[in-house]
Amino acid sequence: MTTIAERKRALEARRAELLGRIETVEDGLDSHGEKDWEELAVEREDDEVLEDLGAAAVTELRMIEAALGRIAADEYGFCTLCGAQIAEGRLDAVPATPFCATCAAKH
C-alpha cells in the first residue's frame, strides 16, 4: 500500500516535471527565426503541437495542485462528489484523481 507521503512526493515530482515541460513549450513558442514561407508553415504546425502539449500539461498540473490541496486538507483519497474512499488501484493509475470509479464514470 502506498502511503500519502509517497503519493505526495510522486505528485510533487510530476508537478516539477510538468512545470519544466510548460517552460520548454513556452520557449519553443517564443523562438521563431525562420523567414521563409515554407519554414514558417512548418513552424506553425509545430506550434500547434506545442500548444496542445502545453494545454495538456496545464490541465494535469491543475489536477495535481488540487490533489496536493486535498492532501494538505486530509481529504486525499476520498471522492470529491460522493465522499467514498477511492480504490488504491485507481489512485495508483491516476494519483491526482478527485473521483471514485463510479463517479468518474458518471462525470
N, C-alpha and C. Protein backbone atom coordinates (compact mmCIF):
# COMPACT_ATOMS: atom_id res chain seq x y z
N MET A 1 0.84 -1.19 0.00
CA MET A 1 0.00 0.00 0.00
C MET A 1 0.89 1.25 0.00
N THR A 2 0.57 2.17 -0.86
CA THR A 2 1.33 3.41 -0.98
C THR A 2 0.84 4.41 0.06
N THR A 3 1.76 5.02 0.77
CA THR A 3 1.38 5.99 1.80
C THR A 3 1.04 7.34 1.16
N ILE A 4 0.36 8.17 1.93
CA ILE A 4 0.04 9.52 1.47
C ILE A 4 1.33 10.30 1.22
N ALA A 5 2.32 10.12 2.08
CA ALA A 5 3.59 10.83 1.90
C ALA A 5 4.26 10.43 0.59
N GLU A 6 4.21 9.15 0.26
CA GLU A 6 4.79 8.69 -1.01
C GLU A 6 4.02 9.26 -2.19
N ARG A 7 2.71 9.27 -2.09
CA ARG A 7 1.89 9.85 -3.17
C ARG A 7 2.19 11.34 -3.31
N LYS A 8 2.34 12.03 -2.18
CA LYS A 8 2.64 13.46 -2.22
C LYS A 8 3.97 13.70 -2.92
N ARG A 9 5.00 12.91 -2.58
CA ARG A 9 6.30 13.07 -3.24
C ARG A 9 6.19 12.82 -4.74
N ALA A 10 5.43 11.81 -5.12
CA ALA A 10 5.26 11.50 -6.54
C ALA A 10 4.52 12.63 -7.26
N LEU A 11 3.49 13.16 -6.62
CA LEU A 11 2.75 14.28 -7.22
C LEU A 11 3.63 15.51 -7.34
N GLU A 12 4.43 15.79 -6.33
CA GLU A 12 5.34 16.94 -6.39
C GLU A 12 6.39 16.77 -7.48
N ALA A 13 6.89 15.55 -7.64
CA ALA A 13 7.87 15.29 -8.70
C ALA A 13 7.23 15.48 -10.07
N ARG A 14 6.02 14.99 -10.22
CA ARG A 14 5.32 15.16 -11.50
C ARG A 14 5.03 16.64 -11.76
N ARG A 15 4.67 17.37 -10.70
CA ARG A 15 4.42 18.81 -10.86
C ARG A 15 5.67 19.51 -11.36
N ALA A 16 6.82 19.18 -10.79
CA ALA A 16 8.08 19.79 -11.22
C ALA A 16 8.37 19.45 -12.68
N GLU A 17 8.12 18.21 -13.06
CA GLU A 17 8.32 17.78 -14.45
C GLU A 17 7.40 18.57 -15.39
N LEU A 18 6.16 18.75 -15.00
CA LEU A 18 5.20 19.48 -15.84
C LEU A 18 5.58 20.95 -15.95
N LEU A 19 6.03 21.55 -14.86
CA LEU A 19 6.46 22.95 -14.92
C LEU A 19 7.62 23.11 -15.89
N GLY A 20 8.54 22.16 -15.88
CA GLY A 20 9.65 22.18 -16.84
C GLY A 20 9.15 22.05 -18.26
N ARG A 21 8.19 21.15 -18.48
CA ARG A 21 7.63 20.96 -19.82
C ARG A 21 6.93 22.22 -20.30
N ILE A 22 6.17 22.85 -19.41
CA ILE A 22 5.45 24.07 -19.79
C ILE A 22 6.45 25.16 -20.16
N GLU A 23 7.52 25.27 -19.41
CA GLU A 23 8.56 26.27 -19.73
C GLU A 23 9.19 25.98 -21.08
N THR A 24 9.46 24.71 -21.37
CA THR A 24 10.04 24.32 -22.65
C THR A 24 9.08 24.65 -23.79
N VAL A 25 7.80 24.39 -23.59
CA VAL A 25 6.79 24.70 -24.61
C VAL A 25 6.75 26.20 -24.85
N GLU A 26 6.73 26.98 -23.77
CA GLU A 26 6.69 28.44 -23.93
C GLU A 26 7.92 28.96 -24.66
N ASP A 27 9.09 28.40 -24.32
CA ASP A 27 10.32 28.80 -25.01
C ASP A 27 10.24 28.45 -26.50
N GLY A 28 9.71 27.27 -26.80
CA GLY A 28 9.57 26.85 -28.20
C GLY A 28 8.63 27.74 -28.98
N LEU A 29 7.56 28.17 -28.31
CA LEU A 29 6.61 29.05 -28.99
C LEU A 29 7.16 30.46 -29.20
N ASP A 30 8.08 30.85 -28.33
CA ASP A 30 8.66 32.19 -28.43
C ASP A 30 9.82 32.28 -29.43
N SER A 31 10.37 31.15 -29.83
CA SER A 31 11.56 31.19 -30.69
C SER A 31 11.19 30.93 -32.15
N HIS A 32 11.17 31.98 -32.91
CA HIS A 32 10.90 31.87 -34.35
C HIS A 32 11.87 32.77 -35.10
N GLY A 33 12.80 32.13 -35.77
CA GLY A 33 13.79 32.90 -36.51
C GLY A 33 13.70 32.73 -38.01
N GLU A 34 12.92 31.78 -38.46
CA GLU A 34 12.85 31.49 -39.89
C GLU A 34 11.97 32.52 -40.60
N LYS A 35 12.40 32.93 -41.79
CA LYS A 35 11.66 33.92 -42.57
C LYS A 35 11.02 33.31 -43.81
N ASP A 36 11.48 32.17 -44.23
CA ASP A 36 10.97 31.50 -45.42
C ASP A 36 9.53 31.03 -45.17
N TRP A 37 8.65 31.21 -46.17
CA TRP A 37 7.24 30.82 -46.02
C TRP A 37 7.08 29.34 -45.72
N GLU A 38 7.86 28.54 -46.36
CA GLU A 38 7.78 27.10 -46.14
C GLU A 38 8.17 26.76 -44.70
N GLU A 39 9.23 27.39 -44.25
CA GLU A 39 9.68 27.16 -42.87
C GLU A 39 8.65 27.69 -41.87
N LEU A 40 8.04 28.83 -42.18
CA LEU A 40 7.02 29.39 -41.30
C LEU A 40 5.82 28.45 -41.19
N ALA A 41 5.45 27.81 -42.29
CA ALA A 41 4.34 26.86 -42.28
C ALA A 41 4.66 25.66 -41.38
N VAL A 42 5.88 25.18 -41.48
CA VAL A 42 6.30 24.06 -40.64
C VAL A 42 6.33 24.49 -39.18
N GLU A 43 6.83 25.69 -38.93
CA GLU A 43 6.86 26.20 -37.56
C GLU A 43 5.46 26.32 -36.99
N ARG A 44 4.51 26.76 -37.82
CA ARG A 44 3.12 26.90 -37.34
C ARG A 44 2.54 25.55 -36.97
N GLU A 45 2.82 24.53 -37.76
CA GLU A 45 2.36 23.18 -37.43
C GLU A 45 3.00 22.72 -36.12
N ASP A 46 4.28 23.01 -35.96
CA ASP A 46 4.97 22.66 -34.72
C ASP A 46 4.36 23.41 -33.54
N ASP A 47 4.02 24.67 -33.74
CA ASP A 47 3.41 25.47 -32.69
C ASP A 47 2.08 24.87 -32.23
N GLU A 48 1.30 24.38 -33.18
CA GLU A 48 0.02 23.77 -32.82
C GLU A 48 0.22 22.54 -31.93
N VAL A 49 1.22 21.76 -32.26
CA VAL A 49 1.53 20.58 -31.43
C VAL A 49 2.00 21.03 -30.05
N LEU A 50 2.89 22.02 -30.02
CA LEU A 50 3.38 22.54 -28.75
C LEU A 50 2.24 23.10 -27.91
N GLU A 51 1.33 23.83 -28.53
CA GLU A 51 0.20 24.39 -27.80
C GLU A 51 -0.66 23.29 -27.18
N ASP A 52 -0.90 22.22 -27.92
CA ASP A 52 -1.66 21.09 -27.40
C ASP A 52 -0.94 20.43 -26.22
N LEU A 53 0.37 20.24 -26.37
CA LEU A 53 1.15 19.67 -25.27
C LEU A 53 1.13 20.57 -24.05
N GLY A 54 1.24 21.85 -24.28
CA GLY A 54 1.20 22.81 -23.18
C GLY A 54 -0.14 22.82 -22.48
N ALA A 55 -1.22 22.76 -23.24
CA ALA A 55 -2.56 22.75 -22.64
C ALA A 55 -2.78 21.49 -21.82
N ALA A 56 -2.32 20.36 -22.32
CA ALA A 56 -2.45 19.10 -21.58
C ALA A 56 -1.64 19.17 -20.29
N ALA A 57 -0.45 19.75 -20.35
CA ALA A 57 0.39 19.87 -19.16
C ALA A 57 -0.27 20.79 -18.13
N VAL A 58 -0.86 21.88 -18.57
CA VAL A 58 -1.52 22.81 -17.66
C VAL A 58 -2.72 22.12 -16.99
N THR A 59 -3.48 21.36 -17.75
CA THR A 59 -4.63 20.65 -17.19
C THR A 59 -4.17 19.65 -16.12
N GLU A 60 -3.14 18.87 -16.44
CA GLU A 60 -2.63 17.90 -15.47
C GLU A 60 -2.05 18.61 -14.25
N LEU A 61 -1.37 19.73 -14.47
CA LEU A 61 -0.79 20.49 -13.37
C LEU A 61 -1.89 20.96 -12.42
N ARG A 62 -3.00 21.43 -12.95
CA ARG A 62 -4.13 21.86 -12.11
C ARG A 62 -4.68 20.70 -11.29
N MET A 63 -4.78 19.53 -11.90
CA MET A 63 -5.26 18.36 -11.18
C MET A 63 -4.30 17.99 -10.04
N ILE A 64 -3.01 18.08 -10.31
CA ILE A 64 -2.01 17.75 -9.29
C ILE A 64 -2.06 18.76 -8.15
N GLU A 65 -2.16 20.02 -8.48
CA GLU A 65 -2.22 21.05 -7.44
C GLU A 65 -3.48 20.87 -6.58
N ALA A 66 -4.59 20.49 -7.20
CA ALA A 66 -5.81 20.23 -6.44
C ALA A 66 -5.62 19.01 -5.53
N ALA A 67 -4.95 17.98 -6.04
CA ALA A 67 -4.69 16.78 -5.23
C ALA A 67 -3.79 17.13 -4.05
N LEU A 68 -2.77 17.94 -4.28
CA LEU A 68 -1.89 18.36 -3.18
C LEU A 68 -2.68 19.17 -2.15
N GLY A 69 -3.63 19.95 -2.61
CA GLY A 69 -4.51 20.68 -1.69
C GLY A 69 -5.36 19.74 -0.85
N ARG A 70 -5.85 18.67 -1.49
CA ARG A 70 -6.63 17.68 -0.75
C ARG A 70 -5.76 16.95 0.27
N ILE A 71 -4.49 16.70 -0.08
CA ILE A 71 -3.57 16.08 0.87
C ILE A 71 -3.40 17.00 2.08
N ALA A 72 -3.17 18.27 1.84
CA ALA A 72 -2.98 19.24 2.92
C ALA A 72 -4.21 19.33 3.82
N ALA A 73 -5.38 19.13 3.23
CA ALA A 73 -6.64 19.22 3.99
C ALA A 73 -7.08 17.87 4.55
N ASP A 74 -6.22 16.85 4.43
CA ASP A 74 -6.56 15.49 4.87
C ASP A 74 -7.81 14.95 4.19
N GLU A 75 -7.99 15.30 2.91
CA GLU A 75 -9.15 14.84 2.15
C GLU A 75 -8.74 13.99 0.95
N TYR A 76 -7.45 13.75 0.82
CA TYR A 76 -6.95 12.98 -0.32
C TYR A 76 -7.39 11.52 -0.20
N GLY A 77 -7.76 10.95 -1.34
CA GLY A 77 -8.15 9.55 -1.37
C GLY A 77 -9.64 9.35 -1.20
N PHE A 78 -10.37 10.45 -1.08
CA PHE A 78 -11.81 10.38 -0.97
C PHE A 78 -12.45 11.15 -2.13
N CYS A 79 -13.49 10.58 -2.69
CA CYS A 79 -14.18 11.18 -3.84
C CYS A 79 -14.74 12.55 -3.46
N THR A 80 -14.49 13.54 -4.30
CA THR A 80 -14.99 14.89 -4.02
C THR A 80 -16.48 15.02 -4.29
N LEU A 81 -17.06 14.03 -4.97
CA LEU A 81 -18.50 14.08 -5.25
C LEU A 81 -19.33 13.32 -4.21
N CYS A 82 -18.95 12.07 -3.96
CA CYS A 82 -19.78 11.24 -3.07
C CYS A 82 -19.14 10.99 -1.71
N GLY A 83 -17.85 11.28 -1.56
CA GLY A 83 -17.16 11.09 -0.30
C GLY A 83 -16.63 9.68 -0.06
N ALA A 84 -16.88 8.77 -0.99
CA ALA A 84 -16.39 7.39 -0.84
C ALA A 84 -14.88 7.35 -0.97
N GLN A 85 -14.27 6.36 -0.34
CA GLN A 85 -12.83 6.18 -0.47
C GLN A 85 -12.51 5.71 -1.88
N ILE A 86 -11.49 6.32 -2.48
CA ILE A 86 -11.06 5.95 -3.84
C ILE A 86 -10.18 4.71 -3.72
N ALA A 87 -10.43 3.74 -4.57
CA ALA A 87 -9.68 2.48 -4.54
C ALA A 87 -8.19 2.72 -4.75
N GLU A 88 -7.39 1.96 -4.03
CA GLU A 88 -5.93 2.06 -4.12
C GLU A 88 -5.44 1.92 -5.56
N GLY A 89 -6.00 0.96 -6.29
CA GLY A 89 -5.61 0.74 -7.67
C GLY A 89 -5.90 1.94 -8.55
N ARG A 90 -7.01 2.60 -8.30
CA ARG A 90 -7.35 3.81 -9.07
C ARG A 90 -6.35 4.93 -8.76
N LEU A 91 -5.99 5.08 -7.50
CA LEU A 91 -5.00 6.10 -7.13
C LEU A 91 -3.63 5.76 -7.70
N ASP A 92 -3.32 4.46 -7.80
CA ASP A 92 -2.06 4.06 -8.43
C ASP A 92 -2.04 4.47 -9.90
N ALA A 93 -3.18 4.31 -10.57
CA ALA A 93 -3.27 4.62 -12.00
C ALA A 93 -3.38 6.11 -12.27
N VAL A 94 -4.16 6.80 -11.44
CA VAL A 94 -4.41 8.24 -11.63
C VAL A 94 -4.28 8.92 -10.27
N PRO A 95 -3.05 9.19 -9.82
CA PRO A 95 -2.84 9.70 -8.46
C PRO A 95 -3.56 11.01 -8.15
N ALA A 96 -3.83 11.82 -9.14
CA ALA A 96 -4.46 13.12 -8.90
C ALA A 96 -5.98 13.08 -9.03
N THR A 97 -6.55 11.89 -9.23
CA THR A 97 -7.98 11.82 -9.45
C THR A 97 -8.78 12.32 -8.25
N PRO A 98 -9.80 13.12 -8.50
CA PRO A 98 -10.66 13.55 -7.40
C PRO A 98 -11.91 12.66 -7.25
N PHE A 99 -12.05 11.65 -8.12
CA PHE A 99 -13.29 10.87 -8.17
C PHE A 99 -13.05 9.39 -7.97
N CYS A 100 -14.01 8.73 -7.33
CA CYS A 100 -14.01 7.27 -7.30
C CYS A 100 -14.40 6.79 -8.70
N ALA A 101 -14.27 5.50 -8.93
CA ALA A 101 -14.55 4.96 -10.27
C ALA A 101 -16.00 5.18 -10.66
N THR A 102 -16.92 5.04 -9.71
CA THR A 102 -18.34 5.20 -10.01
C THR A 102 -18.65 6.64 -10.45
N CYS A 103 -18.17 7.59 -9.67
CA CYS A 103 -18.44 9.00 -10.02
C CYS A 103 -17.68 9.43 -11.27
N ALA A 104 -16.50 8.87 -11.49
CA ALA A 104 -15.74 9.20 -12.70
C ALA A 104 -16.50 8.73 -13.93
N ALA A 105 -17.15 7.56 -13.84
CA ALA A 105 -17.92 7.05 -14.97
C ALA A 105 -19.12 7.95 -15.25
N LYS A 106 -19.70 8.52 -14.23
CA LYS A 106 -20.84 9.43 -14.39
C LYS A 106 -20.41 10.81 -14.86
N HIS A 107 -19.22 11.21 -14.44
CA HIS A 107 -18.71 12.56 -14.70
C HIS A 107 -18.19 12.59 -16.09
